[in-house]
């Protein structure tokens, strides 16, 4: 069972999607709730999902060579994380633990294979990306 498409309207990341695109995306994600203390994933785990926080908090961290915990981010309502491993197919680059009871959207579902295109959220194909380059050394 997917998420209610209406919950996606409150997520800034998906505000450019039209109603039909939100409905298609909602079929591919699930609504999940986890109590504080739950490890969502650990450094090195396979990256197979993206998380979008609807309520609560999640700490994204890694441990350095001496075992010191380095907090990269505390994800709160509207924030998302996990996208890097999902997009590049690599292992998780950090760990994530719920620090305040969390409700989130999680997707895509494991049985999904190819992403659905969402034209209203994409850049025009023939337009260059806005990039800036540092001046070359003289």
C-alpha atoms as a PDB file:
ATOM      1  CA  UNK A   1       0.000   0.000   0.000  1.00  0.00           C
ATOM      2  CA  UNK A   2       1.346   3.419  -0.943  1.00  0.00           C
ATOM      3  CA  UNK A   3       1.092   6.781   0.757  1.00  0.00           C
ATOM      4  CA  UNK A   4      -1.773   9.248   0.434  1.00  0.00           C
ATOM      5  CA  UNK A   5      -0.882  11.633  -2.442  1.00  0.00           C
ATOM      6  CA  UNK A   6      -2.080  14.575  -0.318  1.00  0.00           C
ATOM      7  CA  UNK A   7       0.782  14.123   2.163  1.00  0.00           C
ATOM      8  CA  UNK A   8       3.215  14.844  -0.671  1.00  0.00           C
ATOM      9  CA  UNK A   9       1.764  18.328  -1.180  1.00  0.00           C
ATOM     10  CA  UNK A  10       3.261  19.387   2.170  1.00  0.00           C
ATOM     11  CA  UNK A  11       6.777  18.274   1.228  1.00  0.00           C
ATOM     12  CA  UNK A  12       8.717  21.148  -0.386  1.00  0.00           C
ATOM     13  CA  UNK A  13      10.785  18.672  -2.425  1.00  0.00           C
ATOM     14  CA  UNK A  14       7.618  17.562  -4.278  1.00  0.00           C
ATOM     15  CA  UNK A  15       5.773  20.870  -4.651  1.00  0.00           C
ATOM     16  CA  UNK A  16       6.677  21.141  -8.348  1.00  0.00           C
ATOM     17  CA  UNK A  17       4.913  17.864  -9.131  1.00  0.00           C
ATOM     18  CA  UNK A  18       1.427  18.031 -10.588  1.00  0.00           C
ATOM     19  CA  UNK A  19      -1.488  16.022  -9.169  1.00  0.00           C
ATOM     20  CA  UNK A  20      -0.967  13.059 -11.508  1.00  0.00           C
ATOM     21  CA  UNK A  21       2.767  12.894 -10.755  1.00  0.00           C
ATOM     22  CA  UNK A  22       2.139  13.044  -6.998  1.00  0.00           C
ATOM     23  CA  UNK A  23      -0.353  10.163  -7.318  1.00  0.00           C
ATOM     24  CA  UNK A  24       2.209   8.090  -9.254  1.00  0.00           C
ATOM     25  CA  UNK A  25       4.905   8.824  -6.668  1.00  0.00           C
ATOM     26  CA  UNK A  26       2.553   8.065  -3.754  1.00  0.00           C
ATOM     27  CA  UNK A  27       2.133   4.528  -5.122  1.00  0.00           C
ATOM     28  CA  UNK A  28       5.899   4.052  -4.809  1.00  0.00           C
ATOM     29  CA  UNK A  29       6.409   5.233  -1.220  1.00  0.00           C
ATOM     30  CA  UNK A  30       5.181   4.091   2.179  1.00  0.00           C
ATOM     31  CA  UNK A  31       4.378   5.983   5.362  1.00  0.00           C
ATOM     32  CA  UNK A  32       6.494   4.657   8.231  1.00  0.00           C
ATOM     33  CA  UNK A  33       6.624   5.501  11.958  1.00  0.00           C
ATOM     34  CA  UNK A  34       9.557   4.635  14.239  1.00  0.00           C
ATOM     35  CA  UNK A  35      10.204   5.269  17.935  1.00  0.00           C
ATOM     36  CA  UNK A  36      13.230   7.147  19.256  1.00  0.00           C
ATOM     37  CA  UNK A  37      16.316   4.956  19.381  1.00  0.00           C
ATOM     38  CA  UNK A  38      15.539   3.070  16.150  1.00  0.00           C
ATOM     39  CA  UNK A  39      18.507   2.687  13.787  1.00  0.00           C
ATOM     40  CA  UNK A  40      17.215   3.252  10.258  1.00  0.00           C
ATOM     41  CA  UNK A  41      20.492   2.240   8.631  1.00  0.00           C
ATOM     42  CA  UNK A  42      24.208   1.982   9.360  1.00  0.00           C
ATOM     43  CA  UNK A  43      27.293   3.138   7.509  1.00  0.00           C
ATOM     44  CA  UNK A  44      28.027   0.618   4.750  1.00  0.00           C
ATOM     45  CA  UNK A  45      24.473  -0.753   4.474  1.00  0.00           C
ATOM     46  CA  UNK A  46      22.975  -1.016   0.976  1.00  0.00           C
ATOM     47  CA  UNK A  47      21.259   2.229   0.011  1.00  0.00           C
ATOM     48  CA  UNK A  48      17.839   1.250  -1.238  1.00  0.00           C
ATOM     49  CA  UNK A  49      15.553   4.008   0.018  1.00  0.00           C
ATOM     50  CA  UNK A  50      15.054   7.715   0.531  1.00  0.00           C
ATOM     51  CA  UNK A  51      13.444   9.099   3.710  1.00  0.00           C
ATOM     52  CA  UNK A  52      11.330  12.262   3.951  1.00  0.00           C
ATOM     53  CA  UNK A  53      10.603  13.343   7.533  1.00  0.00           C
ATOM     54  CA  UNK A  54       6.983  14.314   8.232  1.00  0.00           C
ATOM     55  CA  UNK A  55       7.383  14.605  12.019  1.00  0.00           C
ATOM     56  CA  UNK A  56      10.106  13.920  14.577  1.00  0.00           C
ATOM     57  CA  UNK A  57      13.897  13.965  14.238  1.00  0.00           C
ATOM     58  CA  UNK A  58      16.606  11.751  12.798  1.00  0.00           C
ATOM     59  CA  UNK A  59      20.318  12.176  13.427  1.00  0.00           C
ATOM     60  CA  UNK A  60      22.627  11.457  10.490  1.00  0.00           C
ATOM     61  CA  UNK A  61      26.150  10.656  11.685  1.00  0.00           C
ATOM     62  CA  UNK A  62      29.354   8.697  11.165  1.00  0.00           C
ATOM     63  CA  UNK A  63      32.191   7.661  13.417  1.00  0.00           C
ATOM     64  CA  UNK A  64      35.700   8.833  12.614  1.00  0.00           C
ATOM     65  CA  UNK A  65      38.850   6.722  12.861  1.00  0.00           C
ATOM     66  CA  UNK A  66      39.042   7.245  16.621  1.00  0.00           C
ATOM     67  CA  UNK A  67      35.393   6.239  17.158  1.00  0.00           C
ATOM     68  CA  UNK A  68      34.190   9.782  17.784  1.00  0.00           C
ATOM     69  CA  UNK A  69      30.603  10.313  16.628  1.00  0.00           C
ATOM     70  CA  UNK A  70      30.351  13.147  14.091  1.00  0.00           C
ATOM     71  CA  UNK A  71      26.807  14.468  13.531  1.00  0.00           C
ATOM     72  CA  UNK A  72      26.313  15.590   9.945  1.00  0.00           C
ATOM     73  CA  UNK A  73      22.685  16.654  10.208  1.00  0.00           C
ATOM     74  CA  UNK A  74      19.577  16.444  12.329  1.00  0.00           C
ATOM     75  CA  UNK A  75      16.717  15.891   9.877  1.00  0.00           C
ATOM     76  CA  UNK A  76      13.397  17.428  10.893  1.00  0.00           C
ATOM     77  CA  UNK A  77       9.960  17.923   9.328  1.00  0.00           C
ATOM     78  CA  UNK A  78      10.300  18.434   5.565  1.00  0.00           C
ATOM     79  CA  UNK A  79      13.938  17.311   5.419  1.00  0.00           C
ATOM     80  CA  UNK A  80      15.016  14.303   3.408  1.00  0.00           C
ATOM     81  CA  UNK A  81      18.028  11.994   3.507  1.00  0.00           C
ATOM     82  CA  UNK A  82      19.292   8.752   2.006  1.00  0.00           C
ATOM     83  CA  UNK A  83      19.161  10.036  -1.539  1.00  0.00           C
ATOM     84  CA  UNK A  84      22.869   9.659  -2.338  1.00  0.00           C
ATOM     85  CA  UNK A  85      23.007   5.877  -1.948  1.00  0.00           C
ATOM     86  CA  UNK A  86      19.640   5.536  -3.647  1.00  0.00           C
ATOM     87  CA  UNK A  87      20.825   7.487  -6.684  1.00  0.00           C
ATOM     88  CA  UNK A  88      24.343   6.094  -7.032  1.00  0.00           C
ATOM     89  CA  UNK A  89      23.551   2.527  -5.961  1.00  0.00           C
ATOM     90  CA  UNK A  90      26.404   2.587  -3.447  1.00  0.00           C
ATOM     91  CA  UNK A  91      26.557   1.772   0.228  1.00  0.00           C
ATOM     92  CA  UNK A  92      25.372   4.196   2.914  1.00  0.00           C
ATOM     93  CA  UNK A  93      27.936   6.895   3.681  1.00  0.00           C
ATOM     94  CA  UNK A  94      26.565   7.549   7.173  1.00  0.00           C
ATOM     95  CA  UNK A  95      24.268   6.059   9.813  1.00  0.00           C
ATOM     96  CA  UNK A  96      20.786   7.294  10.776  1.00  0.00           C
ATOM     97  CA  UNK A  97      19.080   6.992  14.172  1.00  0.00           C
ATOM     98  CA  UNK A  98      15.662   8.296  15.211  1.00  0.00           C
ATOM     99  CA  UNK A  99      16.127  10.762  18.081  1.00  0.00           C
ATOM    100  CA  UNK A 100      12.483  11.893  18.443  1.00  0.00           C
ATOM    101  CA  UNK A 101       9.583   9.620  17.420  1.00  0.00           C
ATOM    102  CA  UNK A 102       9.435   9.899  13.652  1.00  0.00           C
ATOM    103  CA  UNK A 103       6.855   9.612  10.916  1.00  0.00           C
ATOM    104  CA  UNK A 104       8.256   9.636   7.410  1.00  0.00           C
ATOM    105  CA  UNK A 105       7.718   8.754   3.800  1.00  0.00           C
ATOM    106  CA  UNK A 106      10.085   6.034   2.653  1.00  0.00           C
ATOM    107  CA  UNK A 107      10.609   4.964  -0.913  1.00  0.00           C
ATOM    108  CA  UNK A 108      10.915   3.659  -3.423  1.00  0.00           C
ATOM    109  CA  UNK A 109       9.546   0.326  -2.378  1.00  0.00           C
ATOM    110  CA  UNK A 110      12.044  -2.498  -2.688  1.00  0.00           C
ATOM    111  CA  UNK A 111      10.116  -4.207  -5.502  1.00  0.00           C
ATOM    112  CA  UNK A 112      10.234  -1.081  -7.659  1.00  0.00           C
ATOM    113  CA  UNK A 113      12.994  -1.085 -10.221  1.00  0.00           C
ATOM    114  CA  UNK A 114      12.902   1.973 -12.444  1.00  0.00           C
ATOM    115  CA  UNK A 115      11.910   5.471 -11.367  1.00  0.00           C
ATOM    116  CA  UNK A 116       8.815   7.056 -12.871  1.00  0.00           C
ATOM    117  CA  UNK A 117       9.708  10.211 -14.825  1.00  0.00           C
ATOM    118  CA  UNK A 118       8.286  13.422 -13.393  1.00  0.00           C
ATOM    119  CA  UNK A 119       8.567  16.013 -16.185  1.00  0.00           C
ATOM    120  CA  UNK A 120       7.360  18.988 -14.163  1.00  0.00           C
ATOM    121  CA  UNK A 121      10.223  18.487 -11.691  1.00  0.00           C
ATOM    122  CA  UNK A 122      12.996  18.160 -14.244  1.00  0.00           C
ATOM    123  CA  UNK A 123      15.203  20.677 -16.001  1.00  0.00           C
ATOM    124  CA  UNK A 124      14.713  21.334 -19.711  1.00  0.00           C
ATOM    125  CA  UNK A 125      16.976  18.874 -21.588  1.00  0.00           C
ATOM    126  CA  UNK A 126      18.801  21.430 -23.730  1.00  0.00           C
ATOM    127  CA  UNK A 127      19.395  24.015 -21.048  1.00  0.00           C
ATOM    128  CA  UNK A 128      22.840  24.095 -19.405  1.00  0.00           C
ATOM    129  CA  UNK A 129      22.992  23.786 -15.661  1.00  0.00           C
ATOM    130  CA  UNK A 130      23.865  26.939 -13.784  1.00  0.00           C
ATOM    131  CA  UNK A 131      27.428  26.268 -12.744  1.00  0.00           C
ATOM    132  CA  UNK A 132      30.165  28.583 -11.727  1.00  0.00           C
ATOM    133  CA  UNK A 133      33.826  27.867 -12.019  1.00  0.00           C
ATOM    134  CA  UNK A 134      36.634  29.268  -9.992  1.00  0.00           C
ATOM    135  CA  UNK A 135      39.006  31.583 -11.832  1.00  0.00           C
ATOM    136  CA  UNK A 136      41.972  29.748 -13.261  1.00  0.00           C
ATOM    137  CA  UNK A 137      45.314  30.475 -11.650  1.00  0.00           C
ATOM    138  CA  UNK A 138      47.474  32.826 -13.679  1.00  0.00           C
END
